Amino acid sequence: MHGTQDTIVPIKLGATAKVMLIQHGYNVAWHTYETGHELCFDAIQMIRSIIMEKLIDIPPYKSNSINR
């Protein structure tokens, strides 16, 4: 994700990084938002959705410690 008005990291650099990651076999989700170099509520919701989707595939943690 990238802000279309970002003056710190221009969107062109973000788009180039996206292409490079794809070329190296990474699964990249790319979303642009009408913001600068900050997160907007929609971006935070997108991040949350991605994390929750990934957590579904992770089995629960089982401790190897002895219960006392």
N, C-alpha and C. Protein backbone atom coordinates (compact mmCIF):
# COMPACT_ATOMS: atom_id res chain seq x y z
N MET A 1 0.84 -1.17 0.00
CA MET A 1 0.00 0.00 0.00
C MET A 1 0.88 1.23 0.00
N HIS A 2 0.35 2.26 -0.61
CA HIS A 2 1.16 3.47 -0.72
C HIS A 2 0.24 4.67 -0.89
N GLY A 3 0.65 5.76 -0.29
CA GLY A 3 -0.09 7.01 -0.44
C GLY A 3 0.26 7.69 -1.75
N THR A 4 -0.75 8.08 -2.49
CA THR A 4 -0.52 8.72 -3.79
C THR A 4 0.10 10.11 -3.63
N GLN A 5 -0.02 10.71 -2.45
CA GLN A 5 0.52 12.05 -2.20
C GLN A 5 1.79 12.00 -1.34
N ASP A 6 2.42 10.82 -1.23
CA ASP A 6 3.61 10.64 -0.40
C ASP A 6 4.78 11.43 -0.97
N THR A 7 5.31 12.38 -0.19
CA THR A 7 6.46 13.17 -0.63
C THR A 7 7.76 12.65 -0.03
N ILE A 8 7.68 11.69 0.89
CA ILE A 8 8.87 11.11 1.51
C ILE A 8 9.37 9.92 0.69
N VAL A 9 8.48 9.01 0.36
CA VAL A 9 8.79 7.87 -0.51
C VAL A 9 7.85 7.97 -1.71
N PRO A 10 8.34 8.50 -2.82
CA PRO A 10 7.47 8.67 -3.99
C PRO A 10 6.81 7.35 -4.41
N ILE A 11 5.58 7.45 -4.89
CA ILE A 11 4.82 6.26 -5.26
C ILE A 11 5.55 5.44 -6.32
N LYS A 12 6.32 6.10 -7.18
CA LYS A 12 7.09 5.37 -8.21
C LYS A 12 8.06 4.39 -7.57
N LEU A 13 8.69 4.77 -6.46
CA LEU A 13 9.61 3.87 -5.77
C LEU A 13 8.86 2.68 -5.16
N GLY A 14 7.69 2.95 -4.60
CA GLY A 14 6.87 1.86 -4.06
C GLY A 14 6.45 0.89 -5.15
N ALA A 15 6.06 1.42 -6.30
CA ALA A 15 5.65 0.57 -7.42
C ALA A 15 6.83 -0.25 -7.93
N THR A 16 8.02 0.34 -7.96
CA THR A 16 9.22 -0.39 -8.39
C THR A 16 9.52 -1.52 -7.41
N ALA A 17 9.41 -1.25 -6.11
CA ALA A 17 9.64 -2.29 -5.10
C ALA A 17 8.64 -3.43 -5.26
N LYS A 18 7.39 -3.08 -5.55
CA LYS A 18 6.36 -4.10 -5.77
C LYS A 18 6.75 -5.03 -6.92
N VAL A 19 7.16 -4.46 -8.03
CA VAL A 19 7.55 -5.25 -9.20
C VAL A 19 8.74 -6.15 -8.86
N MET A 20 9.72 -5.61 -8.16
CA MET A 20 10.90 -6.40 -7.79
C MET A 20 10.52 -7.58 -6.89
N LEU A 21 9.65 -7.34 -5.93
CA LEU A 21 9.22 -8.42 -5.04
C LEU A 21 8.48 -9.51 -5.81
N ILE A 22 7.62 -9.11 -6.72
CA ILE A 22 6.90 -10.08 -7.55
C ILE A 22 7.89 -10.89 -8.39
N GLN A 23 8.89 -10.22 -8.96
CA GLN A 23 9.90 -10.91 -9.77
C GLN A 23 10.69 -11.93 -8.96
N HIS A 24 10.78 -11.71 -7.65
CA HIS A 24 11.49 -12.64 -6.77
C HIS A 24 10.55 -13.66 -6.12
N GLY A 25 9.33 -13.73 -6.60
CA GLY A 25 8.42 -14.78 -6.17
C GLY A 25 7.52 -14.46 -4.99
N TYR A 26 7.50 -13.22 -4.54
CA TYR A 26 6.65 -12.85 -3.41
C TYR A 26 5.23 -12.56 -3.88
N ASN A 27 4.27 -12.89 -3.03
CA ASN A 27 2.87 -12.59 -3.28
C ASN A 27 2.61 -11.18 -2.73
N VAL A 28 2.39 -10.23 -3.60
CA VAL A 28 2.29 -8.83 -3.20
C VAL A 28 0.87 -8.31 -3.38
N ALA A 29 0.34 -7.72 -2.34
CA ALA A 29 -0.94 -7.00 -2.43
C ALA A 29 -0.58 -5.52 -2.53
N TRP A 30 -1.10 -4.83 -3.53
CA TRP A 30 -0.77 -3.42 -3.75
C TRP A 30 -2.04 -2.59 -3.73
N HIS A 31 -2.09 -1.63 -2.85
CA HIS A 31 -3.25 -0.74 -2.75
C HIS A 31 -2.72 0.68 -2.60
N THR A 32 -3.36 1.61 -3.26
CA THR A 32 -3.00 3.02 -3.10
C THR A 32 -4.12 3.75 -2.37
N TYR A 33 -3.72 4.76 -1.63
CA TYR A 33 -4.67 5.57 -0.87
C TYR A 33 -4.35 7.04 -1.11
N GLU A 34 -5.35 7.87 -1.09
CA GLU A 34 -5.20 9.31 -1.31
C GLU A 34 -4.68 9.98 -0.04
N THR A 35 -3.46 9.59 0.35
CA THR A 35 -2.82 10.15 1.54
C THR A 35 -1.36 10.43 1.22
N GLY A 36 -0.69 10.97 2.20
CA GLY A 36 0.75 11.18 2.10
C GLY A 36 1.47 9.99 2.70
N HIS A 37 2.48 10.28 3.52
CA HIS A 37 3.31 9.24 4.14
C HIS A 37 2.76 8.90 5.53
N GLU A 38 1.50 8.48 5.55
CA GLU A 38 0.87 8.09 6.81
C GLU A 38 -0.19 7.04 6.51
N LEU A 39 -0.68 6.41 7.55
CA LEU A 39 -1.73 5.41 7.38
C LEU A 39 -3.10 6.05 7.55
N CYS A 40 -4.01 5.67 6.69
CA CYS A 40 -5.39 6.11 6.86
C CYS A 40 -6.19 4.93 7.43
N PHE A 41 -7.41 5.19 7.84
CA PHE A 41 -8.24 4.15 8.45
C PHE A 41 -8.42 2.97 7.51
N ASP A 42 -8.65 3.22 6.22
CA ASP A 42 -8.84 2.13 5.26
C ASP A 42 -7.59 1.25 5.15
N ALA A 43 -6.42 1.86 5.20
CA ALA A 43 -5.17 1.09 5.14
C ALA A 43 -5.02 0.23 6.38
N ILE A 44 -5.36 0.77 7.54
CA ILE A 44 -5.29 0.00 8.78
C ILE A 44 -6.24 -1.18 8.73
N GLN A 45 -7.43 -0.98 8.21
CA GLN A 45 -8.39 -2.07 8.06
C GLN A 45 -7.85 -3.14 7.11
N MET A 46 -7.19 -2.73 6.04
CA MET A 46 -6.60 -3.69 5.10
C MET A 46 -5.51 -4.51 5.78
N ILE A 47 -4.65 -3.85 6.54
CA ILE A 47 -3.59 -4.54 7.27
C ILE A 47 -4.21 -5.55 8.24
N ARG A 48 -5.23 -5.13 8.95
CA ARG A 48 -5.92 -6.02 9.90
C ARG A 48 -6.48 -7.24 9.18
N SER A 49 -7.11 -7.05 8.04
CA SER A 49 -7.68 -8.16 7.28
C SER A 49 -6.61 -9.15 6.85
N ILE A 50 -5.49 -8.64 6.37
CA ILE A 50 -4.40 -9.52 5.94
C ILE A 50 -3.85 -10.31 7.11
N ILE A 51 -3.63 -9.65 8.25
CA ILE A 51 -3.12 -10.35 9.43
C ILE A 51 -4.10 -11.41 9.90
N MET A 52 -5.37 -11.06 9.99
CA MET A 52 -6.37 -12.03 10.44
C MET A 52 -6.45 -13.23 9.50
N GLU A 53 -6.35 -12.99 8.21
CA GLU A 53 -6.38 -14.08 7.22
C GLU A 53 -5.20 -15.02 7.44
N LYS A 54 -4.03 -14.47 7.71
CA LYS A 54 -2.83 -15.28 7.93
C LYS A 54 -2.90 -16.03 9.26
N LEU A 55 -3.50 -15.42 10.29
CA LEU A 55 -3.59 -16.07 11.60
C LEU A 55 -4.48 -17.30 11.57
N ILE A 56 -5.46 -17.32 10.70
CA ILE A 56 -6.35 -18.48 10.60
C ILE A 56 -5.56 -19.73 10.27
N ASP A 57 -4.49 -19.60 9.50
CA ASP A 57 -3.70 -20.74 9.06
C ASP A 57 -2.65 -21.19 10.07
N ILE A 58 -2.49 -20.48 11.16
CA ILE A 58 -1.47 -20.81 12.15
C ILE A 58 -2.10 -21.64 13.27
N PRO A 59 -1.55 -22.84 13.54
CA PRO A 59 -2.12 -23.65 14.63
C PRO A 59 -1.87 -22.99 15.98
N PRO A 60 -2.71 -23.28 16.96
CA PRO A 60 -2.53 -22.69 18.30
C PRO A 60 -1.18 -23.07 18.89
N TYR A 61 -0.62 -22.19 19.69
CA TYR A 61 0.66 -22.44 20.35
C TYR A 61 0.48 -23.46 21.46
N LYS A 62 1.36 -24.45 21.49
CA LYS A 62 1.35 -25.45 22.57
C LYS A 62 2.66 -25.32 23.31
N SER A 63 2.57 -25.03 24.59
CA SER A 63 3.76 -24.87 25.41
C SER A 63 4.36 -26.23 25.73
N ASN A 64 5.69 -26.29 25.74
CA ASN A 64 6.40 -27.51 26.12
C ASN A 64 6.76 -27.50 27.60
N SER A 65 6.40 -26.43 28.29
CA SER A 65 6.75 -26.34 29.71
C SER A 65 5.81 -27.20 30.54
N ILE A 66 6.29 -27.60 31.69
CA ILE A 66 5.50 -28.43 32.60
C ILE A 66 4.58 -27.52 33.41
N ASN A 67 3.31 -27.85 33.44
CA ASN A 67 2.36 -27.07 34.24
C ASN A 67 2.55 -27.38 35.71
N ARG A 68 2.54 -26.38 36.54
CA ARG A 68 2.72 -26.58 37.99
C ARG A 68 1.46 -26.30 38.71
